[in-house]
C-alpha atoms as a PDB file:
ATOM      1  CA  MET A   1     -42.827  41.046  45.398  1.00  0.00           C
ATOM      2  CA  GLY A   2     -40.397  39.485  42.902  1.00  0.00           C
ATOM      3  CA  GLU A   3     -36.993  38.356  44.133  1.00  0.00           C
ATOM      4  CA  LEU A   4     -35.109  40.705  41.791  1.00  0.00           C
ATOM      5  CA  GLU A   5     -37.124  43.637  43.109  1.00  0.00           C
ATOM      6  CA  VAL A   6     -36.447  42.488  46.691  1.00  0.00           C
ATOM      7  CA  LEU A   7     -32.699  42.528  45.982  1.00  0.00           C
ATOM      8  CA  LYS A   8     -32.855  46.008  44.436  1.00  0.00           C
ATOM      9  CA  VAL A   9     -34.864  47.467  47.310  1.00  0.00           C
ATOM     10  CA  ARG A  10     -32.685  45.705  49.878  1.00  0.00           C
ATOM     11  CA  ASP A  11     -29.493  47.134  48.381  1.00  0.00           C
ATOM     12  CA  GLU A  12     -30.937  50.662  48.209  1.00  0.00           C
ATOM     13  CA  LEU A  13     -32.373  50.504  51.713  1.00  0.00           C
ATOM     14  CA  LEU A  14     -29.258  49.090  53.376  1.00  0.00           C
ATOM     15  CA  GLN A  15     -27.008  51.598  51.598  1.00  0.00           C
ATOM     16  CA  ALA A  16     -29.292  54.445  52.637  1.00  0.00           C
ATOM     17  CA  MET A  17     -29.401  53.306  56.256  1.00  0.00           C
ATOM     18  CA  TYR A  18     -25.632  52.824  56.330  1.00  0.00           C
ATOM     19  CA  TRP A  19     -25.119  56.336  54.931  1.00  0.00           C
ATOM     20  CA  MET A  20     -27.733  57.919  57.231  1.00  0.00           C
ATOM     21  CA  ARG A  21     -26.069  56.402  60.284  1.00  0.00           C
ATOM     22  CA  ALA A  22     -22.544  57.306  59.144  1.00  0.00           C
ATOM     23  CA  GLU A  23     -23.600  60.916  58.566  1.00  0.00           C
ATOM     24  CA  GLY A  24     -25.364  61.111  61.933  1.00  0.00           C
ATOM     25  CA  LEU A  25     -28.782  61.637  60.322  1.00  0.00           C
ATOM     26  CA  ALA A  26     -30.563  58.642  61.854  1.00  0.00           C
ATOM     27  CA  ASP A  27     -29.482  55.512  63.707  1.00  0.00           C
ATOM     28  CA  THR A  28     -32.956  53.966  63.800  1.00  0.00           C
ATOM     29  CA  PRO A  29     -35.053  55.522  61.028  1.00  0.00           C
ATOM     30  CA  THR A  30     -38.761  54.788  60.801  1.00  0.00           C
ATOM     31  CA  VAL A  31     -40.393  53.378  57.683  1.00  0.00           C
ATOM     32  CA  LYS A  32     -41.865  56.845  57.058  1.00  0.00           C
ATOM     33  CA  GLU A  33     -38.414  58.480  57.225  1.00  0.00           C
ATOM     34  CA  LEU A  34     -36.963  55.827  54.941  1.00  0.00           C
ATOM     35  CA  SER A  35     -39.852  56.120  52.494  1.00  0.00           C
ATOM     36  CA  THR A  36     -39.334  59.880  52.276  1.00  0.00           C
ATOM     37  CA  PHE A  37     -35.595  59.448  51.784  1.00  0.00           C
ATOM     38  CA  LEU A  38     -35.961  56.707  49.152  1.00  0.00           C
ATOM     39  CA  ALA A  39     -39.088  58.178  47.494  1.00  0.00           C
ATOM     40  CA  VAL A  40     -41.018  54.926  47.962  1.00  0.00           C
ATOM     41  CA  PRO A  41     -44.529  54.856  49.478  1.00  0.00           C
ATOM     42  CA  ALA A  42     -44.408  53.882  53.158  1.00  0.00           C
ATOM     43  CA  ASP A  43     -46.974  51.093  52.676  1.00  0.00           C
ATOM     44  CA  THR A  44     -44.879  49.557  49.917  1.00  0.00           C
ATOM     45  CA  LEU A  45     -41.608  49.924  51.803  1.00  0.00           C
ATOM     46  CA  GLY A  46     -43.096  48.533  55.022  1.00  0.00           C
ATOM     47  CA  ALA A  47     -43.582  45.094  53.467  1.00  0.00           C
ATOM     48  CA  TYR A  48     -39.953  45.052  52.343  1.00  0.00           C
ATOM     49  CA  VAL A  49     -38.720  46.169  55.763  1.00  0.00           C
ATOM     50  CA  GLU A  50     -40.580  43.295  57.423  1.00  0.00           C
ATOM     51  CA  ARG A  51     -38.955  40.904  54.944  1.00  0.00           C
ATOM     52  CA  PHE A  52     -35.506  42.321  55.745  1.00  0.00           C
ATOM     53  CA  VAL A  53     -36.180  41.882  59.471  1.00  0.00           C
ATOM     54  CA  ALA A  54     -37.081  38.236  58.823  1.00  0.00           C
ATOM     55  CA  ASP A  55     -33.906  37.853  56.726  1.00  0.00           C
ATOM     56  CA  ASP A  56     -31.800  39.332  59.600  1.00  0.00           C
ATOM     57  CA  TYR A  57     -30.676  42.490  57.776  1.00  0.00           C
ATOM     58  CA  LEU A  58     -32.682  44.788  60.071  1.00  0.00           C
ATOM     59  CA  ALA A  59     -33.893  44.694  63.654  1.00  0.00           C
ATOM     60  CA  PRO A  60     -36.736  46.661  65.238  1.00  0.00           C
ATOM     61  CA  ALA A  61     -35.445  49.484  67.447  1.00  0.00           C
ATOM     62  CA  GLY A  62     -38.029  51.595  69.222  1.00  0.00           C
ATOM     63  CA  GLU A  63     -40.313  53.039  66.545  1.00  0.00           C
ATOM     64  CA  GLY A  64     -37.696  52.497  63.832  1.00  0.00           C
ATOM     65  CA  TYR A  65     -35.226  49.952  62.586  1.00  0.00           C
ATOM     66  CA  GLN A  66     -31.493  49.453  62.863  1.00  0.00           C
ATOM     67  CA  LEU A  67     -28.993  47.534  60.792  1.00  0.00           C
ATOM     68  CA  THR A  68     -27.929  44.157  62.145  1.00  0.00           C
ATOM     69  CA  ALA A  69     -24.286  43.119  61.728  1.00  0.00           C
ATOM     70  CA  VAL A  70     -25.297  41.357  58.492  1.00  0.00           C
ATOM     71  CA  GLY A  71     -27.216  44.423  57.298  1.00  0.00           C
ATOM     72  CA  GLU A  72     -24.380  46.770  58.189  1.00  0.00           C
ATOM     73  CA  GLU A  73     -21.855  44.700  56.239  1.00  0.00           C
ATOM     74  CA  ALA A  74     -24.148  44.482  53.204  1.00  0.00           C
ATOM     75  CA  GLY A  75     -24.922  48.216  53.369  1.00  0.00           C
ATOM     76  CA  LYS A  76     -21.263  49.116  53.723  1.00  0.00           C
ATOM     77  CA  ARG A  77     -20.236  46.882  50.826  1.00  0.00           C
ATOM     78  CA  GLY A  78     -23.053  48.176  48.613  1.00  0.00           C
ATOM     79  CA  PHE A  79     -22.259  51.788  49.462  1.00  0.00           C
ATOM     80  CA  ALA A  80     -18.563  51.262  48.715  1.00  0.00           C
ATOM     81  CA  ASP A  81     -19.352  49.564  45.395  1.00  0.00           C
ATOM     82  CA  GLU A  82     -21.865  52.236  44.401  1.00  0.00           C
ATOM     83  CA  PHE A  83     -19.495  55.121  45.046  1.00  0.00           C
ATOM     84  CA  ALA A  84     -16.157  53.472  44.180  1.00  0.00           C
ATOM     85  CA  ASP A  85     -15.566  55.733  41.177  1.00  0.00           C
ATOM     86  CA  LEU A  86     -16.099  58.830  43.311  1.00  0.00           C
ATOM     87  CA  THR A  87     -13.647  57.765  45.997  1.00  0.00           C
ATOM     88  CA  LYS A  88     -10.728  56.882  43.705  1.00  0.00           C
ATOM     89  CA  PRO A  89      -7.901  59.385  43.373  1.00  0.00           C
ATOM     90  CA  GLY A  90      -8.484  61.855  40.558  1.00  0.00           C
ATOM     91  CA  HIS A  91      -6.067  62.653  37.758  1.00  0.00           C
ATOM     92  CA  GLY A  92      -2.792  63.713  39.331  1.00  0.00           C
ATOM     93  CA  GLU A  93      -3.802  62.681  42.852  1.00  0.00           C
ATOM     94  CA  CYS A  94      -1.934  60.113  44.904  1.00  0.00           C
ATOM     95  CA  ASP A  95      -3.388  56.992  46.388  1.00  0.00           C
ATOM     96  CA  ASP A  96      -2.977  55.871  50.008  1.00  0.00           C
ATOM     97  CA  ASP A  97       0.193  53.900  49.191  1.00  0.00           C
ATOM     98  CA  CYS A  98       2.103  56.840  47.675  1.00  0.00           C
ATOM     99  CA  TRP A  99       5.577  57.507  49.075  1.00  0.00           C
ATOM    100  CA  CYS A 100       4.536  61.115  49.695  1.00  0.00           C
ATOM    101  CA  HIS A 101       2.723  60.079  52.878  1.00  0.00           C
ATOM    102  CA  ASP A 102       6.078  59.358  54.561  1.00  0.00           C
ATOM    103  CA  SER A 103       6.765  62.954  55.605  1.00  0.00           C
ATOM    104  CA  PRO A 104       5.750  66.579  54.952  1.00  0.00           C
ATOM    105  CA  GLU A 105       8.882  67.003  52.824  1.00  0.00           C
ATOM    106  CA  ALA A 106       7.982  63.983  50.712  1.00  0.00           C
ATOM    107  CA  ALA A 107       4.460  65.360  50.282  1.00  0.00           C
ATOM    108  CA  ALA A 108       5.823  68.710  49.094  1.00  0.00           C
ATOM    109  CA  ASP A 109       8.183  66.963  46.642  1.00  0.00           C
ATOM    110  CA  CYS A 110       5.344  64.837  45.308  1.00  0.00           C
ATOM    111  CA  ILE A 111       3.057  67.835  44.796  1.00  0.00           C
ATOM    112  CA  GLU A 112       5.845  69.776  43.107  1.00  0.00           C
ATOM    113  CA  GLY A 113       6.612  66.814  40.866  1.00  0.00           C
ATOM    114  CA  ARG A 114       2.982  66.493  39.804  1.00  0.00           C
ATOM    115  CA  VAL A 115       2.723  70.229  39.041  1.00  0.00           C
ATOM    116  CA  THR A 116       5.960  70.212  37.039  1.00  0.00           C
ATOM    117  CA  GLU A 117       5.060  66.986  35.249  1.00  0.00           C
ATOM    118  CA  HIS A 118       1.584  68.269  34.349  1.00  0.00           C
ATOM    119  CA  ALA A 119       3.002  71.565  33.023  1.00  0.00           C
ATOM    120  CA  HIS A 120       5.101  69.694  30.443  1.00  0.00           C
ATOM    121  CA  HIS A 121       2.121  67.893  28.900  1.00  0.00           C
END
């Protein structure tokens, strides 16, 4: 188990567990559930899971495992980094700081402005 491989598996596993919990799929998935989700043999993944328990990223919970505070933060950060391009505003969309969030009228003006502006290009 090389250290680079440990980091790769850790990032994938923590992101997957963070996502599974956020989506209400599993709070304490078993190694078998995780191996199916990540397409990694359970025997192989089990050794990594034990390492991540020892490193305080995971904690045993019943028959499965849960994220510790450290694991949750790492999973959240990794998930956000992995999907950052998908969560940015698209072409013509506003970001969270846009003035159009001040009122429904401002939102309508902003939308109208984007439609009109786009039509001229």
